Amino acid sequence: CEGGVESFSTTEAKKYLAHVKGWQLDGKMIRKQFKFKNFVEAMTFVNKVAVVAEREGHHPDIKFGWGYVEINLTTHALKGLSMNDFIMASKINTLRKK
């Protein structure tokens, strides 16, 4: 998203949030924490997310360490949430199932 449109209202965001299991609304972003058995599994997941993010041109903020990955999604150009954030959340959820 290059901007030029309005970000989602809280009501709109909550409507789409119902379709991405485990994600939480946090102000102008959505976030989810994933648990893993060890650092290598967490790092492997981060690398998978990076591939999808690059392909989609929509890059999350990622924090990770031993046994966890936290992902925050927002559309920086809009300073809020857009459909792209929820699409990425869905694709990230799919990666975790693989």
C-alpha atoms as a PDB file:
ATOM      1  CA  CYS A   1       0.000   0.000   0.000  1.00  0.00           C
ATOM      2  CA  GLU A   2       1.443   3.322  -1.042  1.00  0.00           C
ATOM      3  CA  GLY A   3      -1.015   5.466   0.880  1.00  0.00           C
ATOM      4  CA  GLY A   4      -3.733   7.656  -0.538  1.00  0.00           C
ATOM      5  CA  VAL A   5      -6.515   5.751   1.258  1.00  0.00           C
ATOM      6  CA  GLU A   6      -7.746   5.765   4.830  1.00  0.00           C
ATOM      7  CA  SER A   7      -6.556   3.169   7.305  1.00  0.00           C
ATOM      8  CA  PHE A   8      -9.169   0.872   8.840  1.00  0.00           C
ATOM      9  CA  SER A   9     -11.278   2.123  11.723  1.00  0.00           C
ATOM     10  CA  THR A  10     -11.264   0.047  14.899  1.00  0.00           C
ATOM     11  CA  THR A  11     -14.640  -1.391  13.887  1.00  0.00           C
ATOM     12  CA  GLU A  12     -13.342  -2.435  10.457  1.00  0.00           C
ATOM     13  CA  ALA A  13     -10.172  -3.894  11.963  1.00  0.00           C
ATOM     14  CA  LYS A  14     -12.173  -5.975  14.449  1.00  0.00           C
ATOM     15  CA  LYS A  15     -14.294  -7.349  11.608  1.00  0.00           C
ATOM     16  CA  TYR A  16     -11.214  -8.638   9.761  1.00  0.00           C
ATOM     17  CA  LEU A  17      -9.479  -9.724  12.972  1.00  0.00           C
ATOM     18  CA  ALA A  18     -12.136 -12.416  13.378  1.00  0.00           C
ATOM     19  CA  HIS A  19     -10.670 -14.112  10.276  1.00  0.00           C
ATOM     20  CA  VAL A  20      -7.054 -14.366  11.471  1.00  0.00           C
ATOM     21  CA  LYS A  21      -6.866 -16.762  14.399  1.00  0.00           C
ATOM     22  CA  GLY A  22      -4.717 -15.736  17.328  1.00  0.00           C
ATOM     23  CA  TRP A  23      -3.990 -12.165  16.235  1.00  0.00           C
ATOM     24  CA  GLN A  24      -4.755  -9.285  18.578  1.00  0.00           C
ATOM     25  CA  LEU A  25      -5.559  -5.674  17.856  1.00  0.00           C
ATOM     26  CA  ASP A  26      -3.090  -3.340  19.521  1.00  0.00           C
ATOM     27  CA  GLY A  27      -3.862   0.244  18.614  1.00  0.00           C
ATOM     28  CA  LYS A  28      -2.943   0.735  14.972  1.00  0.00           C
ATOM     29  CA  MET A  29      -1.380  -2.698  14.543  1.00  0.00           C
ATOM     30  CA  ILE A  30      -2.134  -6.364  14.913  1.00  0.00           C
ATOM     31  CA  ARG A  31       0.222  -8.734  16.667  1.00  0.00           C
ATOM     32  CA  LYS A  32       0.696 -12.384  17.417  1.00  0.00           C
ATOM     33  CA  GLN A  33       3.232 -14.390  19.377  1.00  0.00           C
ATOM     34  CA  PHE A  34       4.234 -17.861  18.180  1.00  0.00           C
ATOM     35  CA  LYS A  35       5.880 -20.447  20.445  1.00  0.00           C
ATOM     36  CA  PHE A  36       8.609 -22.873  19.352  1.00  0.00           C
ATOM     37  CA  LYS A  37      10.647 -25.650  20.916  1.00  0.00           C
ATOM     38  CA  ASN A  38      13.969 -23.877  20.477  1.00  0.00           C
ATOM     39  CA  PHE A  39      15.882 -21.031  18.834  1.00  0.00           C
ATOM     40  CA  VAL A  40      16.471 -22.857  15.540  1.00  0.00           C
ATOM     41  CA  GLU A  41      12.740 -23.480  15.004  1.00  0.00           C
ATOM     42  CA  ALA A  42      12.003 -19.826  15.762  1.00  0.00           C
ATOM     43  CA  MET A  43      14.693 -18.666  13.337  1.00  0.00           C
ATOM     44  CA  THR A  44      13.439 -21.026  10.629  1.00  0.00           C
ATOM     45  CA  PHE A  45       9.947 -19.554  10.984  1.00  0.00           C
ATOM     46  CA  VAL A  46      11.307 -15.989  10.796  1.00  0.00           C
ATOM     47  CA  ASN A  47      13.079 -16.870   7.555  1.00  0.00           C
ATOM     48  CA  LYS A  48       9.845 -18.285   6.084  1.00  0.00           C
ATOM     49  CA  VAL A  49       8.002 -15.095   7.057  1.00  0.00           C
ATOM     50  CA  ALA A  50      10.755 -13.033   5.411  1.00  0.00           C
ATOM     51  CA  VAL A  51      10.290 -14.844   2.094  1.00  0.00           C
ATOM     52  CA  VAL A  52       6.531 -14.205   2.096  1.00  0.00           C
ATOM     53  CA  ALA A  53       6.966 -10.584   3.205  1.00  0.00           C
ATOM     54  CA  GLU A  54       9.428  -9.890   0.412  1.00  0.00           C
ATOM     55  CA  ARG A  55       7.192 -11.555  -2.169  1.00  0.00           C
ATOM     56  CA  GLU A  56       4.157  -9.571  -0.968  1.00  0.00           C
ATOM     57  CA  GLY A  57       6.053  -6.304  -0.516  1.00  0.00           C
ATOM     58  CA  HIS A  58       4.582  -5.975   2.985  1.00  0.00           C
ATOM     59  CA  HIS A  59       7.109  -6.264   5.793  1.00  0.00           C
ATOM     60  CA  PRO A  60       6.218  -6.940   9.441  1.00  0.00           C
ATOM     61  CA  ASP A  61       8.160  -5.948  12.492  1.00  0.00           C
ATOM     62  CA  ILE A  62       9.564  -9.153  13.973  1.00  0.00           C
ATOM     63  CA  LYS A  63      11.038  -9.825  17.395  1.00  0.00           C
ATOM     64  CA  PHE A  64      12.320 -13.292  18.238  1.00  0.00           C
ATOM     65  CA  GLY A  65      14.462 -15.269  20.584  1.00  0.00           C
ATOM     66  CA  TRP A  66      14.710 -18.705  22.129  1.00  0.00           C
ATOM     67  CA  GLY A  67      11.348 -20.380  21.623  1.00  0.00           C
ATOM     68  CA  TYR A  68       9.279 -17.428  20.449  1.00  0.00           C
ATOM     69  CA  VAL A  69       8.532 -15.100  17.536  1.00  0.00           C
ATOM     70  CA  GLU A  70       6.416 -11.967  17.905  1.00  0.00           C
ATOM     71  CA  ILE A  71       5.087 -10.380  14.736  1.00  0.00           C
ATOM     72  CA  ASN A  72       3.553  -6.911  14.465  1.00  0.00           C
ATOM     73  CA  LEU A  73       1.752  -5.832  11.313  1.00  0.00           C
ATOM     74  CA  THR A  74       0.730  -2.323  10.304  1.00  0.00           C
ATOM     75  CA  THR A  75       0.677  -0.388   7.058  1.00  0.00           C
ATOM     76  CA  HIS A  76       3.335   2.238   7.652  1.00  0.00           C
ATOM     77  CA  ALA A  77       2.247   4.405   4.689  1.00  0.00           C
ATOM     78  CA  LEU A  78      -1.213   4.741   6.277  1.00  0.00           C
ATOM     79  CA  LYS A  79      -0.048   4.862   9.903  1.00  0.00           C
ATOM     80  CA  GLY A  80      -2.655   2.200  10.607  1.00  0.00           C
ATOM     81  CA  LEU A  81      -4.184  -1.041   9.406  1.00  0.00           C
ATOM     82  CA  SER A  82      -5.186  -2.032   5.885  1.00  0.00           C
ATOM     83  CA  MET A  83      -6.375  -5.171   4.142  1.00  0.00           C
ATOM     84  CA  ASN A  84      -2.705  -5.993   3.428  1.00  0.00           C
ATOM     85  CA  ASP A  85      -2.060  -6.518   7.141  1.00  0.00           C
ATOM     86  CA  PHE A  86      -4.812  -9.095   7.432  1.00  0.00           C
ATOM     87  CA  ILE A  87      -3.727 -10.850   4.235  1.00  0.00           C
ATOM     88  CA  MET A  88      -0.186 -11.117   5.619  1.00  0.00           C
ATOM     89  CA  ALA A  89      -1.506 -12.352   8.981  1.00  0.00           C
ATOM     90  CA  SER A  90      -3.421 -15.107   7.200  1.00  0.00           C
ATOM     91  CA  LYS A  91      -0.379 -16.103   5.148  1.00  0.00           C
ATOM     92  CA  ILE A  92       1.809 -16.129   8.264  1.00  0.00           C
ATOM     93  CA  ASN A  93      -0.711 -18.348  10.059  1.00  0.00           C
ATOM     94  CA  THR A  94      -0.526 -20.757   7.122  1.00  0.00           C
ATOM     95  CA  LEU A  95       3.280 -20.934   7.437  1.00  0.00           C
ATOM     96  CA  ARG A  96       2.984 -22.061  11.036  1.00  0.00           C
ATOM     97  CA  LYS A  97       0.862 -25.046  10.003  1.00  0.00           C
ATOM     98  CA  LYS A  98       3.545 -26.352   7.629  1.00  0.00           C
END
